Amino acid sequence: MNSPLPSGARSEDHASGALDPLRATVARMALGDEQALATLYEATSALVFGLALKILRDRPSCEEVVVEVYAQAWKQARRYDAARGSVATWLGMMARTRAIDLARARARFLAIEDEMGESFDAADDARDPLESNALLERASRVRGALQSLPDEQRNLIEAAFFRGMSHTEIAGALGQPLGTVKTRIRMGLAALRRALAPLEGEWT
């Protein structure tokens, strides 16, 4: 028979639970309770969305972040450590990380798009033929890197970063699972970064 906990320990545990009642919700999620996930979403989704909105300032993108945060929370519920912060802090860190990752990815491709346009404009205005050729060559290599991607990756990247479609919109338009769309975009981004790595020194 287990010995009863000291009254002080019971009081401390009760107090911590009262301060963060969502700890019990996450514990239920760790046991596979889907209703607990719904409870967590209802209690905290406004917070997660607000944090993402401060970074992205784009509601469709924030909606994607919210979906990804709760998918991650469901998968990692067993790893939640109350000693490292409240449930709200845990979710907030995930939201911030995913929002920043998305913002950086979009910024990279907006920079590429701008670089391509500026290179062609500058080439038109350049008085030095050598400078003009170098600018055109740089833009051509960027486009070539994009064209080297498999069609399924290139088309998704162009839709997401050049036409401003959200992952959810792309999935709906193409009739593909959202997870498939996200995976292919991530793979395409990784391949494009590798292809453009040799050019980084030329752009500084």
Protein backbone atom coordinates (compact mmCIF):
# COMPACT_ATOMS: atom_id res chain seq x y z
CA MET A 1 0.00 0.00 0.00
CA ASN A 2 1.40 3.37 -0.98
CA SER A 3 2.09 5.84 1.78
CA PRO A 4 -0.04 8.97 1.63
CA LEU A 5 1.70 12.11 0.45
CA PRO A 6 2.54 14.66 3.11
CA SER A 7 -0.10 17.34 3.39
CA GLY A 8 2.43 19.96 2.29
CA ALA A 9 3.16 18.04 -0.92
CA ARG A 10 -0.54 17.66 -1.64
CA SER A 11 -1.06 21.38 -1.08
CA GLU A 12 1.86 22.27 -3.32
CA ASP A 13 0.61 20.01 -6.11
CA HIS A 14 -2.90 21.39 -5.79
CA ALA A 15 -1.60 24.95 -5.89
CA SER A 16 0.48 24.35 -9.01
CA GLY A 17 -2.49 22.71 -10.69
CA ALA A 18 -4.69 25.64 -9.76
CA LEU A 19 -2.15 28.06 -11.21
CA ASP A 20 -2.00 26.15 -14.49
CA PRO A 21 -5.05 23.90 -14.87
CA LEU A 22 -4.01 23.14 -18.45
CA ARG A 23 -1.26 20.88 -17.14
CA ALA A 24 -3.89 18.22 -16.51
CA THR A 25 -5.22 18.75 -20.03
CA VAL A 26 -1.79 18.12 -21.53
CA ALA A 27 -1.40 15.04 -19.32
CA ARG A 28 -4.64 13.69 -20.78
CA MET A 29 -3.37 14.43 -24.28
CA ALA A 30 -0.27 12.39 -23.52
CA LEU A 31 -2.60 9.46 -22.87
CA GLY A 32 -4.26 9.90 -26.25
CA ASP A 33 -7.33 11.86 -25.18
CA GLU A 34 -8.44 13.77 -28.29
CA GLN A 35 -11.07 15.69 -26.32
CA ALA A 36 -8.25 17.10 -24.22
CA LEU A 37 -6.68 18.48 -27.40
CA ALA A 38 -9.97 20.17 -28.25
CA THR A 39 -10.08 21.63 -24.74
CA LEU A 40 -6.54 22.96 -25.07
CA TYR A 41 -7.35 24.48 -28.45
CA GLU A 42 -10.45 26.24 -27.15
CA ALA A 43 -8.56 27.62 -24.17
CA THR A 44 -5.41 28.82 -25.92
CA SER A 45 -5.90 29.17 -29.69
CA ALA A 46 -6.55 32.91 -29.44
CA LEU A 47 -3.23 33.32 -27.65
CA VAL A 48 -1.34 31.24 -30.22
CA PHE A 49 -2.97 33.07 -33.12
CA GLY A 50 -2.17 36.45 -31.56
CA LEU A 51 1.50 35.60 -31.11
CA ALA A 52 1.77 34.43 -34.71
CA LEU A 53 -0.04 37.52 -35.97
CA LYS A 54 2.47 39.83 -34.27
CA ILE A 55 5.23 38.19 -36.31
CA LEU A 56 3.55 37.39 -39.63
CA ARG A 57 0.78 40.02 -39.87
CA ASP A 58 -0.96 37.67 -42.27
CA ARG A 59 -4.08 35.85 -41.09
CA PRO A 60 -3.91 32.85 -43.49
CA SER A 61 -0.30 32.23 -42.50
CA CYS A 62 -1.22 32.52 -38.83
CA GLU A 63 -3.94 29.93 -39.31
CA GLU A 64 -1.31 27.56 -40.68
CA VAL A 65 0.89 28.21 -37.66
CA VAL A 66 -2.01 27.47 -35.31
CA VAL A 67 -2.69 24.13 -37.01
CA GLU A 68 0.98 23.18 -36.84
CA VAL A 69 1.35 24.21 -33.20
CA TYR A 70 -1.50 22.01 -32.01
CA ALA A 71 -0.33 19.12 -34.17
CA GLN A 72 3.07 19.46 -32.53
CA ALA A 73 1.52 19.77 -29.06
CA TRP A 74 -0.42 16.55 -29.65
CA LYS A 75 2.70 14.68 -30.74
CA GLN A 76 4.90 16.06 -27.96
CA ALA A 77 2.46 16.11 -25.05
CA ARG A 78 4.50 13.46 -23.24
CA ARG A 79 7.55 15.71 -23.42
CA TYR A 80 5.91 18.71 -21.78
CA ASP A 81 7.88 19.66 -18.65
CA ALA A 82 5.99 21.87 -16.21
CA ALA A 83 9.28 22.78 -14.53
CA ARG A 84 10.29 24.68 -17.66
CA GLY A 85 7.18 26.82 -17.86
CA SER A 86 3.41 26.92 -18.08
CA VAL A 87 1.42 25.31 -20.86
CA ALA A 88 0.81 28.76 -22.35
CA THR A 89 4.56 29.40 -22.39
CA TRP A 90 5.16 26.00 -24.03
CA LEU A 91 2.62 26.72 -26.76
CA GLY A 92 3.89 30.27 -27.16
CA MET A 93 7.43 29.06 -27.80
CA MET A 94 6.19 26.67 -30.47
CA ALA A 95 4.08 29.39 -32.08
CA ARG A 96 6.94 31.87 -32.10
CA THR A 97 9.39 29.35 -33.57
CA ARG A 98 7.06 28.27 -36.35
CA ALA A 99 6.01 31.83 -37.18
CA ILE A 100 9.62 33.00 -37.36
CA ASP A 101 10.57 30.02 -39.54
CA LEU A 102 7.73 30.82 -41.92
CA ALA A 103 8.57 34.53 -41.98
CA ARG A 104 12.22 33.80 -42.73
CA ALA A 105 11.34 31.36 -45.50
CA ARG A 106 9.07 33.88 -47.17
CA ALA A 107 11.61 36.66 -46.74
CA ARG A 108 14.26 34.54 -48.46
CA PHE A 109 12.08 33.98 -51.48
CA LEU A 110 10.84 37.54 -51.64
CA ALA A 111 14.50 38.56 -51.63
CA ILE A 112 15.18 36.12 -54.46
CA GLU A 113 12.24 37.48 -56.43
CA ASP A 114 13.40 41.07 -55.83
CA GLU A 115 16.95 40.14 -56.72
CA MET A 116 15.81 38.67 -60.01
CA GLY A 117 13.81 41.76 -60.90
CA GLU A 118 16.52 44.16 -59.80
CA SER A 119 19.14 42.24 -61.73
CA PHE A 120 17.23 42.55 -64.97
CA ASP A 121 16.39 46.22 -64.33
CA ALA A 122 19.98 47.00 -63.44
CA ALA A 123 21.20 45.16 -66.49
CA ASP A 124 19.01 47.37 -68.65
CA ASP A 125 20.44 50.51 -67.02
CA ALA A 126 24.05 49.39 -66.73
CA ARG A 127 26.52 51.32 -68.82
CA ASP A 128 29.28 48.78 -68.37
CA PRO A 129 28.63 45.73 -70.61
CA LEU A 130 30.55 43.51 -68.20
CA GLU A 131 28.39 44.64 -65.27
CA SER A 132 25.25 44.08 -67.32
CA ASN A 133 26.33 40.57 -68.26
CA ALA A 134 27.17 39.73 -64.64
CA LEU A 135 23.76 40.89 -63.42
CA LEU A 136 21.95 38.94 -66.10
CA GLU A 137 24.03 35.87 -65.34
CA ARG A 138 23.20 36.08 -61.64
CA ALA A 139 19.47 36.38 -62.31
CA SER A 140 19.66 33.52 -64.78
CA ARG A 141 21.35 31.28 -62.24
CA VAL A 142 18.67 32.03 -59.66
CA ARG A 143 15.94 31.13 -62.12
CA GLY A 144 17.87 28.08 -63.16
CA ALA A 145 18.04 26.89 -59.55
CA LEU A 146 14.28 27.23 -59.27
CA GLN A 147 13.72 25.47 -62.57
CA SER A 148 15.96 22.60 -61.48
CA LEU A 149 13.49 21.58 -58.80
CA PRO A 150 11.00 18.81 -59.51
CA ASP A 151 7.75 20.19 -60.93
CA GLU A 152 5.77 19.20 -57.84
CA GLN A 153 8.10 21.23 -55.60
CA ARG A 154 8.65 24.19 -57.92
CA ASN A 155 4.94 24.70 -58.57
CA LEU A 156 4.13 24.66 -54.87
CA ILE A 157 6.93 27.09 -54.02
CA GLU A 158 5.84 29.49 -56.76
CA ALA A 159 2.26 29.33 -55.50
CA ALA A 160 3.28 29.93 -51.88
CA PHE A 161 5.95 32.58 -52.29
CA PHE A 162 5.33 34.28 -55.62
CA ARG A 163 1.52 34.17 -55.71
CA GLY A 164 1.02 34.54 -51.95
CA MET A 165 -1.20 31.48 -51.48
CA SER A 166 -1.36 29.85 -48.07
CA HIS A 167 -0.57 26.16 -47.68
CA THR A 168 -4.24 25.50 -46.99
CA GLU A 169 -5.29 27.33 -50.16
CA ILE A 170 -2.77 25.38 -52.23
CA ALA A 171 -3.92 22.06 -50.80
CA GLY A 172 -7.54 22.92 -51.57
CA ALA A 173 -6.77 24.12 -55.09
CA LEU A 174 -4.75 21.02 -55.95
CA GLY A 175 -6.81 18.51 -54.00
CA GLN A 176 -3.73 17.37 -52.08
CA PRO A 177 -3.39 16.64 -48.36
CA LEU A 178 -2.12 19.64 -46.42
CA GLY A 179 0.72 17.57 -44.96
CA THR A 180 1.88 16.57 -48.44
CA VAL A 181 1.92 20.19 -49.59
CA LYS A 182 3.95 21.29 -46.57
CA THR A 183 6.44 18.45 -46.92
CA ARG A 184 7.05 19.13 -50.61
CA ILE A 185 7.52 22.85 -50.00
CA ARG A 186 10.03 22.17 -47.23
CA MET A 187 11.94 19.75 -49.46
CA GLY A 188 11.95 22.28 -52.28
CA LEU A 189 13.18 25.06 -50.00
CA ALA A 190 16.02 22.89 -48.73
CA ALA A 191 17.06 21.96 -52.27
CA LEU A 192 16.90 25.56 -53.43
CA ARG A 193 19.02 26.77 -50.52
CA ARG A 194 21.65 24.17 -51.39
CA ALA A 195 21.59 25.17 -55.05
CA LEU A 196 21.97 28.87 -54.26
CA ALA A 197 24.61 28.50 -51.55
CA PRO A 198 27.53 29.16 -53.98
CA LEU A 199 25.94 32.50 -54.95
CA GLU A 200 25.75 33.93 -51.43
CA GLY A 201 29.20 35.49 -51.66
CA GLU A 202 28.26 37.25 -54.88
CA TRP A 203 25.25 38.93 -53.27
CA THR A 204 27.11 40.54 -50.38
